[in-house]
Protein backbone atom coordinates (compact mmCIF):
# COMPACT_ATOMS: atom_id res chain seq x y z
CA MET A 1 -14.48 1.90 -0.08
CA ALA A 2 -13.34 -1.86 -0.73
CA ILE A 3 -9.57 -2.57 -0.34
CA ASP A 4 -7.51 -3.10 -3.50
CA PRO A 5 -7.73 -6.64 -4.66
CA VAL A 6 -4.11 -6.75 -5.36
CA VAL A 7 -3.25 -5.92 -1.88
CA LEU A 8 -5.47 -8.84 -0.66
CA LEU A 9 -3.87 -11.38 -2.91
CA ALA A 10 -0.29 -10.13 -2.04
CA GLU A 11 -1.08 -10.58 1.58
CA GLU A 12 -2.55 -14.25 0.89
CA LEU A 13 0.68 -14.95 -1.27
CA ARG A 14 2.83 -13.84 1.58
CA ILE A 15 1.03 -16.09 4.15
CA ALA A 16 1.37 -18.96 1.79
CA GLU A 17 4.99 -18.38 1.14
CA HIS A 18 5.60 -18.06 4.84
CA ALA A 19 3.72 -21.31 5.46
CA LEU A 20 5.80 -23.06 2.88
CA HIS A 21 8.95 -21.86 4.36
CA ILE A 22 7.99 -23.13 7.77
CA ALA A 23 6.66 -26.51 6.44
CA CYS A 24 10.02 -27.02 4.46
CA LYS A 25 12.00 -26.08 7.64
CA THR A 26 10.27 -28.21 9.97
CA ASP A 27 9.75 -31.49 7.75
CA ARG A 28 12.90 -32.43 6.17
CA ASN A 29 11.29 -35.74 5.05
CA ALA A 30 8.64 -33.83 3.04
CA LEU A 31 11.37 -32.37 0.91
CA LEU A 32 12.45 -36.00 0.11
CA GLY A 33 9.03 -36.77 -1.05
CA ARG A 34 8.10 -39.08 1.55
CA SER A 35 5.12 -36.98 3.02
CA GLY A 36 5.26 -33.91 0.87
CA GLU A 37 1.53 -33.37 0.50
CA GLU A 38 1.26 -30.08 2.44
CA ILE A 39 4.35 -28.72 0.63
CA CYS A 40 2.68 -29.67 -2.74
CA ASP A 41 -0.67 -28.03 -1.64
CA LEU A 42 1.22 -24.83 -0.53
CA THR A 43 3.32 -24.61 -3.84
CA THR A 44 0.02 -25.11 -5.79
CA ARG A 45 -1.66 -22.31 -3.96
CA ILE A 46 1.36 -20.07 -4.42
CA LYS A 47 1.30 -20.65 -8.15
CA GLU A 48 -2.49 -19.88 -8.26
CA LEU A 49 -2.03 -16.71 -6.32
CA SER A 50 0.82 -15.62 -8.38
CA THR A 51 -1.24 -16.05 -11.62
CA GLU A 52 -4.40 -14.39 -10.18
CA ILE A 53 -2.07 -11.47 -9.24
CA VAL A 54 -0.78 -10.98 -12.58
CA GLU A 55 -4.39 -11.13 -14.07
CA THR A 56 -5.77 -8.54 -11.56
CA GLN A 57 -5.89 -4.99 -12.17
CA PRO A 58 -5.21 -2.82 -9.03
CA THR A 59 -7.73 -0.09 -8.19
CA SER A 60 -5.26 2.26 -6.32
CA ALA A 61 -1.77 3.49 -5.98
CA LEU A 62 -1.50 1.08 -2.97
CA GLY A 63 -2.16 -1.82 -5.31
CA ALA A 64 0.18 -0.43 -7.85
CA SER A 65 3.07 -0.23 -5.13
CA VAL A 66 2.68 -3.93 -4.42
CA LEU A 67 3.11 -4.87 -7.97
CA VAL A 68 6.09 -2.41 -8.48
CA ARG A 69 7.58 -4.12 -5.37
CA MET A 70 7.02 -7.55 -6.84
CA ALA A 71 8.55 -6.57 -10.04
CA ALA A 72 11.65 -5.29 -8.31
CA GLU A 73 12.04 -8.49 -6.30
CA ARG A 74 11.91 -10.45 -9.57
CA LEU A 75 14.75 -8.60 -11.27
CA PRO A 76 18.25 -10.20 -11.64
CA PHE A 77 20.87 -9.07 -9.49
CA ALA A 78 22.78 -7.49 -12.43
CA TYR A 79 19.90 -4.77 -12.41
CA ALA A 80 20.33 -3.62 -8.81
CA ALA A 81 20.13 0.01 -9.97
CA TYR A 82 16.73 -0.60 -11.48
CA THR A 83 15.62 -2.48 -8.44
CA LYS A 84 16.48 0.58 -6.22
CA HIS A 85 14.44 2.83 -8.58
CA PHE A 86 11.65 0.45 -8.47
CA TYR A 87 11.55 0.41 -4.75
CA GLU A 88 11.72 4.21 -4.72
CA ILE A 89 8.57 4.49 -6.83
CA ALA A 90 6.77 1.84 -4.60
CA GLY A 91 7.50 3.98 -1.77
CA ARG A 92 6.02 7.05 -3.19
CA LEU A 93 3.08 5.09 -4.44
CA ASP A 94 2.65 3.76 -0.87
CA GLU A 95 2.36 7.27 0.34
CA GLY A 96 -0.22 8.03 -2.34
CA GLN A 97 2.14 10.09 -4.32
CA ARG A 98 1.83 9.67 -8.14
CA VAL A 99 4.68 11.47 -9.90
CA LEU A 100 4.39 11.87 -13.49
CA ALA A 101 8.18 11.00 -13.87
CA ASP A 102 7.55 7.82 -12.18
CA LEU A 103 4.93 6.70 -14.74
CA VAL A 104 7.04 7.71 -17.50
CA TRP A 105 9.92 5.74 -16.19
CA LEU A 106 7.66 2.81 -15.42
CA ARG A 107 6.34 2.89 -19.06
CA ALA A 108 9.85 2.91 -20.56
CA MET A 109 10.95 -0.03 -18.25
CA ARG A 110 7.79 -1.96 -19.37
CA THR A 111 8.91 -1.36 -22.97
CA ALA A 112 12.40 -2.30 -22.31
CA LEU A 113 11.44 -5.50 -20.28
CA THR A 114 9.18 -6.59 -23.17
CA GLY A 115 11.92 -5.90 -25.56
CA GLY A 116 14.40 -8.15 -23.99
CA LEU A 117 15.96 -6.29 -20.97
CA CYS A 118 16.67 -9.06 -18.48
CA GLY A 119 15.84 -11.78 -21.01
CA LYS A 120 13.22 -14.27 -19.94
CA ASP A 121 12.90 -12.79 -16.52
CA GLY A 122 12.05 -9.30 -18.11
CA VAL A 123 9.36 -10.77 -20.12
CA ARG A 124 7.80 -12.19 -16.97
CA ILE A 125 8.20 -8.98 -15.14
CA ALA A 126 6.54 -6.70 -17.77
CA PRO A 127 3.15 -7.56 -17.04
CA LEU A 128 3.47 -6.72 -13.38
CA VAL A 129 4.73 -3.25 -14.36
CA ARG A 130 1.94 -2.88 -17.10
CA LEU A 131 -0.71 -3.59 -14.16
CA ALA A 132 1.24 -1.24 -11.79
CA ILE A 133 0.89 1.52 -14.40
CA GLU A 134 -2.87 1.06 -14.80
CA GLY A 135 -3.20 1.15 -11.01
CA ALA A 136 -1.15 4.12 -10.52
CA ARG A 137 -3.17 6.03 -13.23
CA GLN A 138 -6.35 5.40 -11.60
CA PRO A 139 -8.20 8.80 -10.73
CA ILE A 140 -8.36 9.50 -7.11
CA VAL A 141 -11.84 9.86 -5.83
CA VAL A 142 -12.41 12.20 -2.98
CA TYR A 143 -15.70 11.97 -0.97
CA ARG A 144 -17.03 15.14 0.59
CA ALA A 145 -19.75 15.24 3.18
CA VAL A 146 -22.02 18.25 3.94
CA ALA A 147 -23.77 18.38 7.23
CA ALA A 148 -27.43 19.19 7.05
CA ALA A 149 -28.47 22.46 8.58
CA GLU A 150 -30.07 20.94 11.49
CA ASP A 151 -27.09 18.65 12.20
CA ALA A 152 -24.75 21.73 12.07
CA ALA A 153 -26.99 23.54 14.55
CA GLN A 154 -27.10 20.56 16.97
CA PRO A 155 -23.41 20.95 18.48
CA HIS A 156 -24.27 24.42 19.36
CA ALA A 157 -27.45 23.58 21.16
CA ASP A 158 -25.47 20.76 23.21
CA ALA A 159 -22.93 23.29 24.19
CA ALA A 160 -25.40 25.62 25.66
CA ILE A 161 -26.77 22.96 27.85
CA HIS A 162 -23.34 22.16 29.32
């Protein structure tokens, strides 16, 4: 089974942000605009990845948890109680737990964010929450394998030899 595309994009984003942090820390002249090509390239890459994440639907609860965490990180400090709840939901989604109450809360938050809660920040966060809801509501597929009759008999034959 393929890994959730949101998880891959989030990891690429984390790596690019870390590289930008290192580049800014080590090359003070680049921040002054003298040799900032690397920093410009990294910021462009971060913007592209951020846009791609907002346009990519997660295929699992794990991908949904990444988006819920991203939404929590973007909430203003004044909404810390909501941030805590977002992180709790993300933790449950990380463990594969999809709780109906969490989905209901996320839907209510998406509506509130779209309606103006948190102002412009809320409008930017709402698409992440919408995608997280889509990922969390994906059905879980369980694969079961049935051993053929001759394969099932094989281990007993090997045990008799030893």
